[in-house]
C-alpha atoms as a PDB file:
ATOM      1  CA  UNK A   1     -19.848  75.099  -8.279  1.00  0.00           C
ATOM      2  CA  UNK A   2     -20.001  78.601  -9.272  1.00  0.00           C
ATOM      3  CA  UNK A   3     -23.655  79.230  -7.217  1.00  0.00           C
ATOM      4  CA  UNK A   4     -22.844  79.750  -4.019  1.00  0.00           C
ATOM      5  CA  UNK A   5     -23.838  82.290  -1.035  1.00  0.00           C
ATOM      6  CA  UNK A   6     -22.336  83.712   1.763  1.00  0.00           C
ATOM      7  CA  UNK A   7     -24.184  84.084   4.709  1.00  0.00           C
ATOM      8  CA  UNK A   8     -22.557  85.211   8.008  1.00  0.00           C
ATOM      9  CA  UNK A   9     -19.206  84.046   6.466  1.00  0.00           C
ATOM     10  CA  UNK A  10     -20.621  80.776   5.692  1.00  0.00           C
ATOM     11  CA  UNK A  11     -20.689  79.523   1.729  1.00  0.00           C
ATOM     12  CA  UNK A  12     -23.451  77.595   0.835  1.00  0.00           C
ATOM     13  CA  UNK A  13     -24.313  75.700  -2.174  1.00  0.00           C
ATOM     14  CA  UNK A  14     -27.569  75.434  -3.797  1.00  0.00           C
ATOM     15  CA  UNK A  15     -28.584  71.430  -3.749  1.00  0.00           C
ATOM     16  CA  UNK A  16     -29.508  71.209  -6.921  1.00  0.00           C
ATOM     17  CA  UNK A  17     -25.974  71.929  -8.067  1.00  0.00           C
ATOM     18  CA  UNK A  18     -24.481  69.439  -5.786  1.00  0.00           C
ATOM     19  CA  UNK A  19     -23.587  66.181  -8.171  1.00  0.00           C
ATOM     20  CA  UNK A  20     -23.353  62.745  -6.735  1.00  0.00           C
ATOM     21  CA  UNK A  21     -19.413  62.781  -7.427  1.00  0.00           C
ATOM     22  CA  UNK A  22     -18.930  65.982  -5.342  1.00  0.00           C
ATOM     23  CA  UNK A  23     -21.415  64.637  -2.447  1.00  0.00           C
ATOM     24  CA  UNK A  24     -19.553  61.318  -2.274  1.00  0.00           C
ATOM     25  CA  UNK A  25     -16.544  63.689  -2.154  1.00  0.00           C
ATOM     26  CA  UNK A  26     -17.862  65.697   0.449  1.00  0.00           C
ATOM     27  CA  UNK A  27     -18.748  62.476   2.712  1.00  0.00           C
ATOM     28  CA  UNK A  28     -15.278  61.625   2.691  1.00  0.00           C
ATOM     29  CA  UNK A  29     -14.535  65.342   4.208  1.00  0.00           C
ATOM     30  CA  UNK A  30     -14.818  65.870   7.880  1.00  0.00           C
ATOM     31  CA  UNK A  31     -18.702  66.794   7.741  1.00  0.00           C
ATOM     32  CA  UNK A  32     -19.229  63.875  10.171  1.00  0.00           C
ATOM     33  CA  UNK A  33     -17.268  62.757  13.507  1.00  0.00           C
ATOM     34  CA  UNK A  34     -16.496  58.952  11.968  1.00  0.00           C
ATOM     35  CA  UNK A  35     -12.849  58.478  10.538  1.00  0.00           C
ATOM     36  CA  UNK A  36     -12.631  56.037   7.232  1.00  0.00           C
ATOM     37  CA  UNK A  37     -10.738  53.149   7.336  1.00  0.00           C
ATOM     38  CA  UNK A  38     -10.824  53.428  11.621  1.00  0.00           C
ATOM     39  CA  UNK A  39     -12.151  49.993  13.402  1.00  0.00           C
ATOM     40  CA  UNK A  40     -14.905  50.712  15.612  1.00  0.00           C
ATOM     41  CA  UNK A  41     -17.434  48.840  18.429  1.00  0.00           C
ATOM     42  CA  UNK A  42     -20.745  49.912  17.577  1.00  0.00           C
ATOM     43  CA  UNK A  43     -23.751  49.460  19.803  1.00  0.00           C
ATOM     44  CA  UNK A  44     -27.013  49.802  17.706  1.00  0.00           C
ATOM     45  CA  UNK A  45     -30.871  49.616  19.355  1.00  0.00           C
ATOM     46  CA  UNK A  46     -30.824  45.776  19.220  1.00  0.00           C
ATOM     47  CA  UNK A  47     -26.915  44.680  18.549  1.00  0.00           C
ATOM     48  CA  UNK A  48     -23.413  45.108  18.889  1.00  0.00           C
ATOM     49  CA  UNK A  49     -20.966  44.964  15.975  1.00  0.00           C
ATOM     50  CA  UNK A  50     -17.373  45.436  15.249  1.00  0.00           C
ATOM     51  CA  UNK A  51     -16.528  46.319  11.755  1.00  0.00           C
ATOM     52  CA  UNK A  52     -13.873  48.598   9.780  1.00  0.00           C
ATOM     53  CA  UNK A  53     -15.714  51.611   8.307  1.00  0.00           C
ATOM     54  CA  UNK A  54     -15.470  51.988   5.066  1.00  0.00           C
ATOM     55  CA  UNK A  55     -18.008  54.210   3.642  1.00  0.00           C
ATOM     56  CA  UNK A  56     -20.324  56.733   5.501  1.00  0.00           C
ATOM     57  CA  UNK A  57     -23.813  57.839   3.679  1.00  0.00           C
ATOM     58  CA  UNK A  58     -26.833  60.136   4.986  1.00  0.00           C
ATOM     59  CA  UNK A  59     -28.353  57.294   6.582  1.00  0.00           C
ATOM     60  CA  UNK A  60     -26.255  54.252   6.513  1.00  0.00           C
ATOM     61  CA  UNK A  61     -22.683  53.487   7.439  1.00  0.00           C
ATOM     62  CA  UNK A  62     -20.550  50.662   5.771  1.00  0.00           C
ATOM     63  CA  UNK A  63     -18.426  48.095   7.723  1.00  0.00           C
ATOM     64  CA  UNK A  64     -15.994  45.727   6.270  1.00  0.00           C
ATOM     65  CA  UNK A  65     -14.682  42.492   8.002  1.00  0.00           C
ATOM     66  CA  UNK A  66     -17.744  43.122  10.618  1.00  0.00           C
ATOM     67  CA  UNK A  67     -18.939  40.905  13.209  1.00  0.00           C
ATOM     68  CA  UNK A  68     -21.861  40.987  15.352  1.00  0.00           C
ATOM     69  CA  UNK A  69     -21.028  40.517  19.209  1.00  0.00           C
ATOM     70  CA  UNK A  70     -23.874  38.276  20.409  1.00  0.00           C
ATOM     71  CA  UNK A  71     -22.209  38.166  23.945  1.00  0.00           C
ATOM     72  CA  UNK A  72     -19.831  41.106  24.848  1.00  0.00           C
ATOM     73  CA  UNK A  73     -19.149  39.838  28.883  1.00  0.00           C
ATOM     74  CA  UNK A  74     -18.260  42.482  30.437  1.00  0.00           C
ATOM     75  CA  UNK A  75     -18.411  45.576  28.211  1.00  0.00           C
ATOM     76  CA  UNK A  76     -15.022  47.494  29.780  1.00  0.00           C
ATOM     77  CA  UNK A  77     -12.928  44.296  29.646  1.00  0.00           C
ATOM     78  CA  UNK A  78     -14.538  43.617  26.053  1.00  0.00           C
ATOM     79  CA  UNK A  79     -13.573  47.147  24.496  1.00  0.00           C
ATOM     80  CA  UNK A  80     -10.324  46.848  26.594  1.00  0.00           C
ATOM     81  CA  UNK A  81      -9.089  43.363  26.045  1.00  0.00           C
ATOM     82  CA  UNK A  82     -10.554  42.888  22.591  1.00  0.00           C
ATOM     83  CA  UNK A  83     -11.588  39.470  21.528  1.00  0.00           C
ATOM     84  CA  UNK A  84     -10.239  37.092  24.554  1.00  0.00           C
ATOM     85  CA  UNK A  85     -13.110  38.911  26.352  1.00  0.00           C
ATOM     86  CA  UNK A  86     -15.992  38.631  24.588  1.00  0.00           C
ATOM     87  CA  UNK A  87     -17.698  35.392  25.081  1.00  0.00           C
ATOM     88  CA  UNK A  88     -20.152  35.065  21.536  1.00  0.00           C
ATOM     89  CA  UNK A  89     -18.887  36.268  17.932  1.00  0.00           C
ATOM     90  CA  UNK A  90     -20.900  35.859  14.763  1.00  0.00           C
ATOM     91  CA  UNK A  91     -18.735  37.115  11.964  1.00  0.00           C
ATOM     92  CA  UNK A  92     -20.800  38.325   8.559  1.00  0.00           C
ATOM     93  CA  UNK A  93     -19.598  37.232   5.315  1.00  0.00           C
ATOM     94  CA  UNK A  94     -19.885  40.183   3.445  1.00  0.00           C
ATOM     95  CA  UNK A  95     -19.968  43.853   4.061  1.00  0.00           C
ATOM     96  CA  UNK A  96     -22.633  45.063   6.366  1.00  0.00           C
ATOM     97  CA  UNK A  97     -24.483  48.096   5.678  1.00  0.00           C
ATOM     98  CA  UNK A  98     -25.772  49.749   9.322  1.00  0.00           C
ATOM     99  CA  UNK A  99     -28.918  52.452   9.148  1.00  0.00           C
ATOM    100  CA  UNK A 100     -27.513  55.446  11.152  1.00  0.00           C
ATOM    101  CA  UNK A 101     -30.737  55.987  12.935  1.00  0.00           C
ATOM    102  CA  UNK A 102     -30.259  52.543  14.934  1.00  0.00           C
ATOM    103  CA  UNK A 103     -26.635  54.173  16.363  1.00  0.00           C
ATOM    104  CA  UNK A 104     -26.732  54.748  19.971  1.00  0.00           C
ATOM    105  CA  UNK A 105     -23.017  55.154  20.137  1.00  0.00           C
ATOM    106  CA  UNK A 106     -19.160  53.900  18.724  1.00  0.00           C
ATOM    107  CA  UNK A 107     -16.002  53.714  19.981  1.00  0.00           C
ATOM    108  CA  UNK A 108     -12.871  52.970  18.436  1.00  0.00           C
ATOM    109  CA  UNK A 109     -11.756  49.577  18.341  1.00  0.00           C
ATOM    110  CA  UNK A 110      -7.914  49.237  19.037  1.00  0.00           C
ATOM    111  CA  UNK A 111      -8.023  45.282  18.302  1.00  0.00           C
ATOM    112  CA  UNK A 112      -7.912  42.938  15.726  1.00  0.00           C
ATOM    113  CA  UNK A 113     -11.225  42.542  13.664  1.00  0.00           C
ATOM    114  CA  UNK A 114     -13.392  39.482  14.870  1.00  0.00           C
ATOM    115  CA  UNK A 115     -13.263  37.105  11.829  1.00  0.00           C
ATOM    116  CA  UNK A 116     -13.823  33.830  13.924  1.00  0.00           C
ATOM    117  CA  UNK A 117     -16.810  32.611  15.009  1.00  0.00           C
ATOM    118  CA  UNK A 118     -16.604  31.960  18.884  1.00  0.00           C
END
């Protein structure tokens, strides 16, 4: 990556110079607020999910061990107490790809993943 330009103390790379491998490496860095390997409770425009964040792309997140929280019960209790406070859980079988455009918010999930239907 030798074709860079500095503007106001920031270095920029010409987009055509960014290889897919370099782009993947950039996405693993702290260019977003997400932490790879962290478990999250995610609210999208249509559903709630819990899962472990595996990958972050420009437009998608990839979760493993994910479950749809069909009915969370009282939200605060679900976040504080985990599975025992949640009324309905529907685990996914494989990894889940979530469109980042559908995200409302995410918070750290300090409990075991929701791997059993409830």
